[in-house]
Amino acid sequence: MKAIGMLMVLLSVGGCSHRAVYENIQINNRNDCSKRPPSEYAACMERASKSYDEYERERQEIIK
């Protein structure tokens, strides 16, 4: 179900920037956090709240 939702988001924003796609995925991830047990909620929200700039910086470090 989650994969289908992400695929639809990616297809619907095909002309958008990488930042917009990332932010839409993060919104989707934060919505999914509400379905997690309370013991997992905080960690899930922390992962889903990483800014695009932070994500891009980490991604660049990995691909270098």
Protein backbone atom coordinates (compact mmCIF):
# COMPACT_ATOMS: atom_id res chain seq x y z
CA MET A 1 0.00 0.00 0.00
CA LYS A 2 2.78 2.43 0.95
CA ALA A 3 4.69 1.66 -2.25
CA ILE A 4 1.61 2.35 -4.35
CA GLY A 5 1.10 5.68 -2.60
CA MET A 6 4.71 6.70 -3.18
CA LEU A 7 4.52 5.65 -6.81
CA MET A 8 1.41 7.76 -7.31
CA VAL A 9 3.09 10.75 -5.68
CA LEU A 10 6.16 10.36 -7.86
CA LEU A 11 4.09 10.05 -11.02
CA SER A 12 1.90 13.00 -10.18
CA VAL A 13 4.84 15.30 -9.51
CA GLY A 14 6.95 14.23 -12.46
CA GLY A 15 7.76 17.80 -13.43
CA CYS A 16 8.62 18.93 -9.91
CA SER A 17 12.05 19.44 -8.43
CA HIS A 18 13.85 16.81 -6.41
CA ARG A 19 13.15 18.90 -3.32
CA ALA A 20 9.38 18.81 -3.92
CA VAL A 21 9.41 15.06 -4.45
CA TYR A 22 11.46 14.55 -1.28
CA GLU A 23 9.16 16.78 0.76
CA ASN A 24 6.05 14.95 -0.50
CA ILE A 25 7.58 11.62 0.43
CA GLN A 26 8.43 12.96 3.89
CA ILE A 27 4.82 14.12 4.35
CA ASN A 28 3.68 10.64 3.41
CA ASN A 29 6.20 9.14 5.86
CA ARG A 30 5.01 11.41 8.69
CA ASN A 31 1.42 10.34 8.01
CA ASP A 32 2.52 6.72 8.26
CA CYS A 33 4.17 7.43 11.63
CA SER A 34 0.74 8.01 13.15
CA LYS A 35 -0.06 4.37 12.43
CA ARG A 36 2.93 3.11 14.43
CA PRO A 37 2.80 2.05 18.08
CA PRO A 38 3.59 4.85 20.55
CA SER A 39 6.98 3.30 21.30
CA GLU A 40 8.07 3.77 17.66
CA TYR A 41 6.39 7.12 16.95
CA ALA A 42 9.19 9.48 18.08
CA ALA A 43 11.92 7.66 16.14
CA CYS A 44 9.69 7.47 13.07
CA MET A 45 8.94 11.20 13.19
CA GLU A 46 12.63 12.01 13.61
CA ARG A 47 13.48 10.04 10.46
CA ALA A 48 10.59 11.63 8.57
CA SER A 49 11.52 15.18 9.60
CA LYS A 50 14.99 15.36 8.05
CA SER A 51 15.24 18.49 5.90
CA TYR A 52 15.97 18.21 2.20
CA ASP A 53 19.26 20.10 2.66
CA GLU A 54 20.40 17.63 5.32
CA TYR A 55 19.30 14.69 3.16
CA GLU A 56 21.14 16.09 0.11
CA ARG A 57 24.31 16.73 2.14
CA GLU A 58 24.31 13.13 3.41
CA ARG A 59 23.56 11.80 -0.07
CA GLN A 60 26.47 13.73 -1.57
CA GLU A 61 28.83 12.39 1.10
CA ILE A 62 27.80 8.84 0.25
CA ILE A 63 28.19 9.15 -3.52
CA LYS A 64 31.63 10.81 -3.39
